[in-house]
Amino acid sequence: DTAIYYCNARITRSPVEYVYWGQGTQVTVS
C-alpha cells in the first residue's frame, strides 16, 4: 500500500470535463 495518495475531483459540464488534483500525501507501511 506504500505510495503517494492523490485526491481527485471531477465534474462534467458538457462538452467539457473538469478534473482537479491535489499534491498528494505519502503513505508508507513498514
PDB file of all heavy atoms in Angstrom:
ATOM      1  N   ASP A   1       0.815  -1.209   0.000  1.00  0.00           N
ATOM      2  CA  ASP A   1       0.000   0.000   0.000  1.00  0.00           C
ATOM      3  C   ASP A   1       0.852   1.263   0.000  1.00  0.00           C
ATOM      4  O   ASP A   1       0.305   2.365  -0.116  1.00  0.00           O
ATOM      5  CB  ASP A   1      -0.934   0.028   1.207  1.00  0.00           C
ATOM      6  CG  ASP A   1      -1.993  -1.059   1.153  1.00  0.00           C
ATOM      7  OD1 ASP A   1      -2.556  -1.300   0.075  1.00  0.00           O
ATOM      8  OD2 ASP A   1      -2.260  -1.668   2.209  1.00  0.00           O
ATOM      9  N   THR A   2       2.152   1.126   0.152  1.00  0.00           N
ATOM     10  CA  THR A   2       3.045   2.274   0.173  1.00  0.00           C
ATOM     11  C   THR A   2       2.990   3.009  -1.158  1.00  0.00           C
ATOM     12  O   THR A   2       3.210   2.420  -2.219  1.00  0.00           O
ATOM     13  CB  THR A   2       4.480   1.835   0.473  1.00  0.00           C
ATOM     14  OG1 THR A   2       4.547   1.286   1.791  1.00  0.00           O
ATOM     15  CG2 THR A   2       5.440   3.010   0.369  1.00  0.00           C
ATOM     16  N   ALA A   3       2.688   4.301  -1.109  1.00  0.00           N
ATOM     17  CA  ALA A   3       2.541   5.110  -2.317  1.00  0.00           C
ATOM     18  C   ALA A   3       2.247   6.545  -1.913  1.00  0.00           C
ATOM     19  O   ALA A   3       1.990   6.839  -0.741  1.00  0.00           O
ATOM     20  CB  ALA A   3       1.413   4.579  -3.202  1.00  0.00           C
ATOM     21  N   ILE A   4       2.288   7.422  -2.894  1.00  0.00           N
ATOM     22  CA  ILE A   4       1.731   8.752  -2.720  1.00  0.00           C
ATOM     23  C   ILE A   4       0.263   8.688  -3.103  1.00  0.00           C
ATOM     24  O   ILE A   4      -0.078   8.202  -4.183  1.00  0.00           O
ATOM     25  CB  ILE A   4       2.458   9.803  -3.576  1.00  0.00           C
ATOM     26  CG1 ILE A   4       3.944   9.856  -3.212  1.00  0.00           C
ATOM     27  CG2 ILE A   4       1.832  11.176  -3.382  1.00  0.00           C
ATOM     28  CD1 ILE A   4       4.756  10.782  -4.094  1.00  0.00           C
ATOM     29  N   TYR A   5      -0.581   9.179  -2.223  1.00  0.00           N
ATOM     30  CA  TYR A   5      -2.017   9.143  -2.444  1.00  0.00           C
ATOM     31  C   TYR A   5      -2.504  10.533  -2.844  1.00  0.00           C
ATOM     32  O   TYR A   5      -2.222  11.524  -2.169  1.00  0.00           O
ATOM     33  CB  TYR A   5      -2.742   8.664  -1.183  1.00  0.00           C
ATOM     34  CG  TYR A   5      -2.620   7.179  -0.969  1.00  0.00           C
ATOM     35  CD1 TYR A   5      -1.405   6.612  -0.609  1.00  0.00           C
ATOM     36  CD2 TYR A   5      -3.719   6.335  -1.148  1.00  0.00           C
ATOM     37  CE1 TYR A   5      -1.285   5.245  -0.433  1.00  0.00           C
ATOM     38  CE2 TYR A   5      -3.603   4.972  -0.966  1.00  0.00           C
ATOM     39  CZ  TYR A   5      -2.383   4.432  -0.611  1.00  0.00           C
ATOM     40  OH  TYR A   5      -2.259   3.074  -0.428  1.00  0.00           O
ATOM     41  N   TYR A   6      -3.250  10.578  -3.941  1.00  0.00           N
ATOM     42  CA  TYR A   6      -3.721  11.833  -4.512  1.00  0.00           C
ATOM     43  C   TYR A   6      -5.238  11.908  -4.466  1.00  0.00           C
ATOM     44  O   TYR A   6      -5.931  10.936  -4.781  1.00  0.00           O
ATOM     45  CB  TYR A   6      -3.282  11.969  -5.968  1.00  0.00           C
ATOM     46  CG  TYR A   6      -1.791  12.030  -6.179  1.00  0.00           C
ATOM     47  CD1 TYR A   6      -1.058  10.875  -6.409  1.00  0.00           C
ATOM     48  CD2 TYR A   6      -1.120  13.253  -6.157  1.00  0.00           C
ATOM     49  CE1 TYR A   6       0.304  10.927  -6.613  1.00  0.00           C
ATOM     50  CE2 TYR A   6       0.243  13.308  -6.360  1.00  0.00           C
ATOM     51  CZ  TYR A   6       0.953  12.141  -6.585  1.00  0.00           C
ATOM     52  OH  TYR A   6       2.306  12.200  -6.794  1.00  0.00           O
ATOM     53  N   CYS A   7      -5.732  13.068  -4.123  1.00  0.00           N
ATOM     54  CA  CYS A   7      -7.155  13.353  -4.171  1.00  0.00           C
ATOM     55  C   CYS A   7      -7.522  13.888  -5.548  1.00  0.00           C
ATOM     56  O   CYS A   7      -6.756  14.639  -6.164  1.00  0.00           O
ATOM     57  CB  CYS A   7      -7.507  14.370  -3.087  1.00  0.00           C
ATOM     58  SG  CYS A   7      -9.260  14.769  -2.959  1.00  0.00           S
ATOM     59  N   ASN A   8      -8.688  13.505  -6.022  1.00  0.00           N
ATOM     60  CA  ASN A   8      -9.151  13.879  -7.348  1.00  0.00           C
ATOM     61  C   ASN A   8     -10.603  14.339  -7.276  1.00  0.00           C
ATOM     62  O   ASN A   8     -11.416  13.752  -6.559  1.00  0.00           O
ATOM     63  CB  ASN A   8      -9.019  12.671  -8.291  1.00  0.00           C
ATOM     64  CG  ASN A   8      -9.760  12.834  -9.599  1.00  0.00           C
ATOM     65  OD1 ASN A   8     -10.950  12.517  -9.690  1.00  0.00           O
ATOM     66  ND2 ASN A   8      -9.064  13.316 -10.612  1.00  0.00           N
ATOM     67  N   ALA A   9     -10.907  15.384  -8.025  1.00  0.00           N
ATOM     68  CA  ALA A   9     -12.276  15.868  -8.154  1.00  0.00           C
ATOM     69  C   ALA A   9     -12.616  16.000  -9.628  1.00  0.00           C
ATOM     70  O   ALA A   9     -11.783  16.431 -10.428  1.00  0.00           O
ATOM     71  CB  ALA A   9     -12.450  17.212  -7.454  1.00  0.00           C
ATOM     72  N   ARG A  10     -13.842  15.655  -9.980  1.00  0.00           N
ATOM     73  CA  ARG A  10     -14.240  15.637 -11.387  1.00  0.00           C
ATOM     74  C   ARG A  10     -15.678  16.086 -11.530  1.00  0.00           C
ATOM     75  O   ARG A  10     -16.548  15.681 -10.751  1.00  0.00           O
ATOM     76  CB  ARG A  10     -14.063  14.219 -11.947  1.00  0.00           C
ATOM     77  CG  ARG A  10     -14.609  13.997 -13.334  1.00  0.00           C
ATOM     78  CD  ARG A  10     -14.213  12.620 -13.840  1.00  0.00           C
ATOM     79  NE  ARG A  10     -14.475  11.583 -12.863  1.00  0.00           N
ATOM     80  CZ  ARG A  10     -15.643  10.957 -12.713  1.00  0.00           C
ATOM     81  NH1 ARG A  10     -16.678  11.280 -13.495  1.00  0.00           N
ATOM     82  NH2 ARG A  10     -15.777  10.017 -11.795  1.00  0.00           N
ATOM     83  N   ILE A  11     -15.913  16.920 -12.539  1.00  0.00           N
ATOM     84  CA  ILE A  11     -17.273  17.333 -12.860  1.00  0.00           C
ATOM     85  C   ILE A  11     -17.349  17.571 -14.357  1.00  0.00           C
ATOM     86  O   ILE A  11     -16.410  18.081 -14.973  1.00  0.00           O
ATOM     87  CB  ILE A  11     -17.695  18.594 -12.071  1.00  0.00           C
ATOM     88  CG1 ILE A  11     -19.197  18.862 -12.251  1.00  0.00           C
ATOM     89  CG2 ILE A  11     -16.869  19.805 -12.470  1.00  0.00           C
ATOM     90  CD1 ILE A  11     -19.744  19.916 -11.309  1.00  0.00           C
ATOM     91  N   THR A  12     -18.453  17.174 -14.934  1.00  0.00           N
ATOM     92  CA  THR A  12     -18.682  17.349 -16.360  1.00  0.00           C
ATOM     93  C   THR A  12     -19.693  18.460 -16.582  1.00  0.00           C
ATOM     94  O   THR A  12     -20.787  18.431 -16.029  1.00  0.00           O
ATOM     95  CB  THR A  12     -19.182  16.053 -17.005  1.00  0.00           C
ATOM     96  OG1 THR A  12     -18.201  15.030 -16.852  1.00  0.00           O
ATOM     97  CG2 THR A  12     -19.438  16.268 -18.494  1.00  0.00           C
ATOM     98  N   ARG A  13     -19.287  19.426 -17.353  1.00  0.00           N
ATOM     99  CA  ARG A  13     -20.173  20.483 -17.825  1.00  0.00           C
ATOM    100  C   ARG A  13     -20.099  20.446 -19.336  1.00  0.00           C
ATOM    101  O   ARG A  13     -19.289  21.145 -19.947  1.00  0.00           O
ATOM    102  CB  ARG A  13     -19.764  21.827 -17.251  1.00  0.00           C
ATOM    103  CG  ARG A  13     -19.950  21.916 -15.741  1.00  0.00           C
ATOM    104  CD  ARG A  13     -19.298  23.133 -15.162  1.00  0.00           C
ATOM    105  NE  ARG A  13     -19.595  23.277 -13.741  1.00  0.00           N
ATOM    106  CZ  ARG A  13     -18.836  23.937 -12.889  1.00  0.00           C
ATOM    107  NH1 ARG A  13     -17.726  24.531 -13.309  1.00  0.00           N
ATOM    108  NH2 ARG A  13     -19.190  24.006 -11.618  1.00  0.00           N
ATOM    109  N   SER A  14     -20.929  19.598 -19.910  1.00  0.00           N
ATOM    110  CA  SER A  14     -20.887  19.257 -21.322  1.00  0.00           C
ATOM    111  C   SER A  14     -20.694  20.485 -22.194  1.00  0.00           C
ATOM    112  O   SER A  14     -21.365  21.504 -22.010  1.00  0.00           O
ATOM    113  CB  SER A  14     -22.176  18.526 -21.712  1.00  0.00           C
ATOM    114  OG  SER A  14     -22.097  18.075 -23.044  1.00  0.00           O
ATOM    115  N   PRO A  15     -19.731  20.387 -23.150  1.00  0.00           N
ATOM    116  CA  PRO A  15     -18.944  19.204 -23.520  1.00  0.00           C
ATOM    117  C   PRO A  15     -17.593  19.115 -22.835  1.00  0.00           C
ATOM    118  O   PRO A  15     -16.723  18.380 -23.295  1.00  0.00           O
ATOM    119  CB  PRO A  15     -18.759  19.418 -25.024  1.00  0.00           C
ATOM    120  CG  PRO A  15     -18.588  20.899 -25.149  1.00  0.00           C
ATOM    121  CD  PRO A  15     -19.510  21.505 -24.116  1.00  0.00           C
ATOM    122  N   VAL A  16     -17.397  19.825 -21.734  1.00  0.00           N
ATOM    123  CA  VAL A  16     -16.101  19.912 -21.081  1.00  0.00           C
ATOM    124  C   VAL A  16     -16.133  19.134 -19.772  1.00  0.00           C
ATOM    125  O   VAL A  16     -17.095  19.230 -19.006  1.00  0.00           O
ATOM    126  CB  VAL A  16     -15.699  21.373 -20.814  1.00  0.00           C
ATOM    127  CG1 VAL A  16     -14.347  21.446 -20.119  1.00  0.00           C
ATOM    128  CG2 VAL A  16     -15.675  22.157 -22.116  1.00  0.00           C
ATOM    129  N   GLU A  17     -15.075  18.356 -19.527  1.00  0.00           N
ATOM    130  CA  GLU A  17     -14.886  17.705 -18.240  1.00  0.00           C
ATOM    131  C   GLU A  17     -13.755  18.399 -17.500  1.00  0.00           C
ATOM    132  O   GLU A  17     -12.660  18.556 -18.035  1.00  0.00           O
ATOM    133  CB  GLU A  17     -14.565  16.224 -18.403  1.00  0.00           C
ATOM    134  CG  GLU A  17     -14.421  15.500 -17.067  1.00  0.00           C
ATOM    135  CD  GLU A  17     -14.147  14.028 -17.217  1.00  0.00           C
ATOM    136  OE1 GLU A  17     -13.073  13.676 -17.756  1.00  0.00           O
ATOM    137  OE2 GLU A  17     -15.014  13.224 -16.823  1.00  0.00           O
ATOM    138  N   TYR A  18     -14.008  18.785 -16.269  1.00  0.00           N
ATOM    139  CA  TYR A  18     -13.013  19.426 -15.429  1.00  0.00           C
ATOM    140  C   TYR A  18     -12.475  18.416 -14.425  1.00  0.00           C
ATOM    141  O   TYR A  18     -13.250  17.728 -13.750  1.00  0.00           O
ATOM    142  CB  TYR A  18     -13.616  20.621 -14.698  1.00  0.00           C
ATOM    143  CG  TYR A  18     -14.053  21.740 -15.616  1.00  0.00           C
ATOM    144  CD1 TYR A  18     -15.330  21.754 -16.173  1.00  0.00           C
ATOM    145  CD2 TYR A  18     -13.196  22.794 -15.919  1.00  0.00           C
ATOM    146  CE1 TYR A  18     -15.731  22.773 -17.015  1.00  0.00           C
ATOM    147  CE2 TYR A  18     -13.589  23.821 -16.757  1.00  0.00           C
ATOM    148  CZ  TYR A  18     -14.859  23.812 -17.303  1.00  0.00           C
ATOM    149  OH  TYR A  18     -15.253  24.836 -18.137  1.00  0.00           O
ATOM    150  N   VAL A  19     -11.162  18.341 -14.322  1.00  0.00           N
ATOM    151  CA  VAL A  19     -10.506  17.413 -13.417  1.00  0.00           C
ATOM    152  C   VAL A  19      -9.478  18.190 -12.595  1.00  0.00           C
ATOM    153  O   VAL A  19      -8.689  18.960 -13.143  1.00  0.00           O
ATOM    154  CB  VAL A  19      -9.821  16.265 -14.163  1.00  0.00           C
ATOM    155  CG1 VAL A  19      -9.161  15.313 -13.179  1.00  0.00           C
ATOM    156  CG2 VAL A  19     -10.823  15.526 -15.035  1.00  0.00           C
ATOM    157  N   TYR A  20      -9.484  17.944 -11.293  1.00  0.00           N
ATOM    158  CA  TYR A  20      -8.579  18.631 -10.382  1.00  0.00           C
ATOM    159  C   TYR A  20      -7.831  17.612  -9.539  1.00  0.00           C
ATOM    160  O   TYR A  20      -8.372  16.564  -9.183  1.00  0.00           O
ATOM    161  CB  TYR A  20      -9.344  19.589  -9.465  1.00  0.00           C
ATOM    162  CG  TYR A  20     -10.166  20.609 -10.202  1.00  0.00           C
ATOM    163  CD1 TYR A  20     -11.492  20.357 -10.525  1.00  0.00           C
ATOM    164  CD2 TYR A  20      -9.617  21.826 -10.589  1.00  0.00           C
ATOM    165  CE1 TYR A  20     -12.256  21.287 -11.210  1.00  0.00           C
ATOM    166  CE2 TYR A  20     -10.370  22.763 -11.276  1.00  0.00           C
ATOM    167  CZ  TYR A  20     -11.685  22.492 -11.582  1.00  0.00           C
ATOM    168  OH  TYR A  20     -12.435  23.421 -12.268  1.00  0.00           O
ATOM    169  N   TRP A  21      -6.580  17.927  -9.204  1.00  0.00           N
ATOM    170  CA  TRP A  21      -5.726  17.050  -8.420  1.00  0.00           C
ATOM    171  C   TRP A  21      -5.103  17.790  -7.253  1.00  0.00           C
ATOM    172  O   TRP A  21      -4.736  18.957  -7.370  1.00  0.00           O
ATOM    173  CB  TRP A  21      -4.591  16.487  -9.277  1.00  0.00           C
ATOM    174  CG  TRP A  21      -5.041  15.560 -10.355  1.00  0.00           C
ATOM    175  CD1 TRP A  21      -5.322  15.884 -11.652  1.00  0.00           C
ATOM    176  CD2 TRP A  21      -5.259  14.150 -10.236  1.00  0.00           C
ATOM    177  NE1 TRP A  21      -5.699  14.764 -12.353  1.00  0.00           N
ATOM    178  CE2 TRP A  21      -5.668  13.681 -11.507  1.00  0.00           C
ATOM    179  CE3 TRP A  21      -5.143  13.244  -9.193  1.00  0.00           C
ATOM    180  CZ2 TRP A  21      -5.957  12.346 -11.749  1.00  0.00           C
ATOM    181  CZ3 TRP A  21      -5.440  11.909  -9.429  1.00  0.00           C
ATOM    182  CH2 TRP A  21      -5.834  11.477 -10.692  1.00  0.00           C
ATOM    183  N   GLY A  22      -4.981  17.097  -6.134  1.00  0.00           N
ATOM    184  CA  GLY A  22      -4.178  17.592  -5.041  1.00  0.00           C
ATOM    185  C   GLY A  22      -2.717  17.271  -5.261  1.00  0.00           C
ATOM    186  O   GLY A  22      -2.329  16.622  -6.243  1.00  0.00           O
ATOM    187  N   GLN A  23      -1.865  17.703  -4.333  1.00  0.00           N
ATOM    188  CA  GLN A  23      -0.430  17.490  -4.461  1.00  0.00           C
ATOM    189  C   GLN A  23       0.033  16.167  -3.876  1.00  0.00           C
ATOM    190  O   GLN A  23       1.181  15.778  -4.078  1.00  0.00           O
ATOM    191  CB  GLN A  23       0.334  18.643  -3.814  1.00  0.00           C
ATOM    192  CG  GLN A  23       0.172  19.961  -4.560  1.00  0.00           C
ATOM    193  CD  GLN A  23       1.056  21.057  -4.018  1.00  0.00           C
ATOM    194  OE1 GLN A  23       1.536  20.984  -2.883  1.00  0.00           O
ATOM    195  NE2 GLN A  23       1.279  22.077  -4.826  1.00  0.00           N
ATOM    196  N   GLY A  24      -0.827  15.478  -3.165  1.00  0.00           N
ATOM    197  CA  GLY A  24      -0.515  14.150  -2.677  1.00  0.00           C
ATOM    198  C   GLY A  24      -0.049  14.124  -1.239  1.00  0.00           C
ATOM    199  O   GLY A  24       0.457  15.104  -0.702  1.00  0.00           O
ATOM    200  N   THR A  25      -0.227  12.963  -0.616  1.00  0.00           N
ATOM    201  CA  THR A  25       0.269  12.711   0.728  1.00  0.00           C
ATOM    202  C   THR A  25       0.893  11.318   0.757  1.00  0.00           C
ATOM    203  O   THR A  25       0.343  10.366   0.203  1.00  0.00           O
ATOM    204  CB  THR A  25      -0.856  12.850   1.777  1.00  0.00           C
ATOM    205  OG1 THR A  25      -0.317  12.695   3.095  1.00  0.00           O
ATOM    206  CG2 THR A  25      -1.967  11.829   1.559  1.00  0.00           C
ATOM    207  N   GLN A  26       2.056  11.210   1.383  1.00  0.00           N
ATOM    208  CA  GLN A  26       2.813   9.967   1.372  1.00  0.00           C
ATOM    209  C   GLN A  26       2.292   9.008   2.431  1.00  0.00           C
ATOM    210  O   GLN A  26       2.122   9.381   3.596  1.00  0.00           O
ATOM    211  CB  GLN A  26       4.300  10.243   1.628  1.00  0.00           C
ATOM    212  CG  GLN A  26       5.171   8.993   1.719  1.00  0.00           C
ATOM    213  CD  GLN A  26       5.365   8.320   0.382  1.00  0.00           C
ATOM    214  OE1 GLN A  26       5.676   8.975  -0.612  1.00  0.00           O
ATOM    215  NE2 GLN A  26       5.180   7.001   0.349  1.00  0.00           N
ATOM    216  N   VAL A  27       2.052   7.775   2.017  1.00  0.00           N
ATOM    217  CA  VAL A  27       1.728   6.682   2.929  1.00  0.00           C
ATOM    218  C   VAL A  27       2.831   5.645   2.818  1.00  0.00           C
ATOM    219  O   VAL A  27       3.122   5.154   1.721  1.00  0.00           O
ATOM    220  CB  VAL A  27       0.365   6.049   2.607  1.00  0.00           C
ATOM    221  CG1 VAL A  27       0.146   4.787   3.440  1.00  0.00           C
ATOM    222  CG2 VAL A  27      -0.755   7.047   2.846  1.00  0.00           C
ATOM    223  N   THR A  28       3.449   5.314   3.942  1.00  0.00           N
ATOM    224  CA  THR A  28       4.500   4.305   3.986  1.00  0.00           C
ATOM    225  C   THR A  28       4.131   3.259   5.028  1.00  0.00           C
ATOM    226  O   THR A  28       3.872   3.601   6.184  1.00  0.00           O
ATOM    227  CB  THR A  28       5.857   4.923   4.323  1.00  0.00           C
ATOM    228  OG1 THR A  28       6.179   5.941   3.368  1.00  0.00           O
ATOM    229  CG2 THR A  28       6.948   3.862   4.302  1.00  0.00           C
ATOM    230  N   VAL A  29       4.118   2.003   4.621  1.00  0.00           N
ATOM    231  CA  VAL A  29       3.778   0.898   5.504  1.00  0.00           C
ATOM    232  C   VAL A  29       5.023   0.042   5.677  1.00  0.00           C
ATOM    233  O   VAL A  29       5.540  -0.509   4.701  1.00  0.00           O
ATOM    234  CB  VAL A  29       2.618   0.062   4.953  1.00  0.00           C
ATOM    235  CG1 VAL A  29       2.228  -1.018   5.954  1.00  0.00           C
ATOM    236  CG2 VAL A  29       1.429   0.950   4.623  1.00  0.00           C
ATOM    237  N   SER A  30       5.500  -0.078   6.898  1.00  0.00           N
ATOM    238  CA  SER A  30       6.697  -0.846   7.181  1.00  0.00           C
ATOM    239  C   SER A  30       6.382  -2.326   7.282  1.00  0.00           C
ATOM    240  O   SER A  30       5.257  -2.727   7.617  1.00  0.00           O
ATOM    241  CB  SER A  30       7.350  -0.355   8.469  1.00  0.00           C
ATOM    242  OG  SER A  30       6.488  -0.546   9.583  1.00  0.00           O
TER     243      SER A  30
END
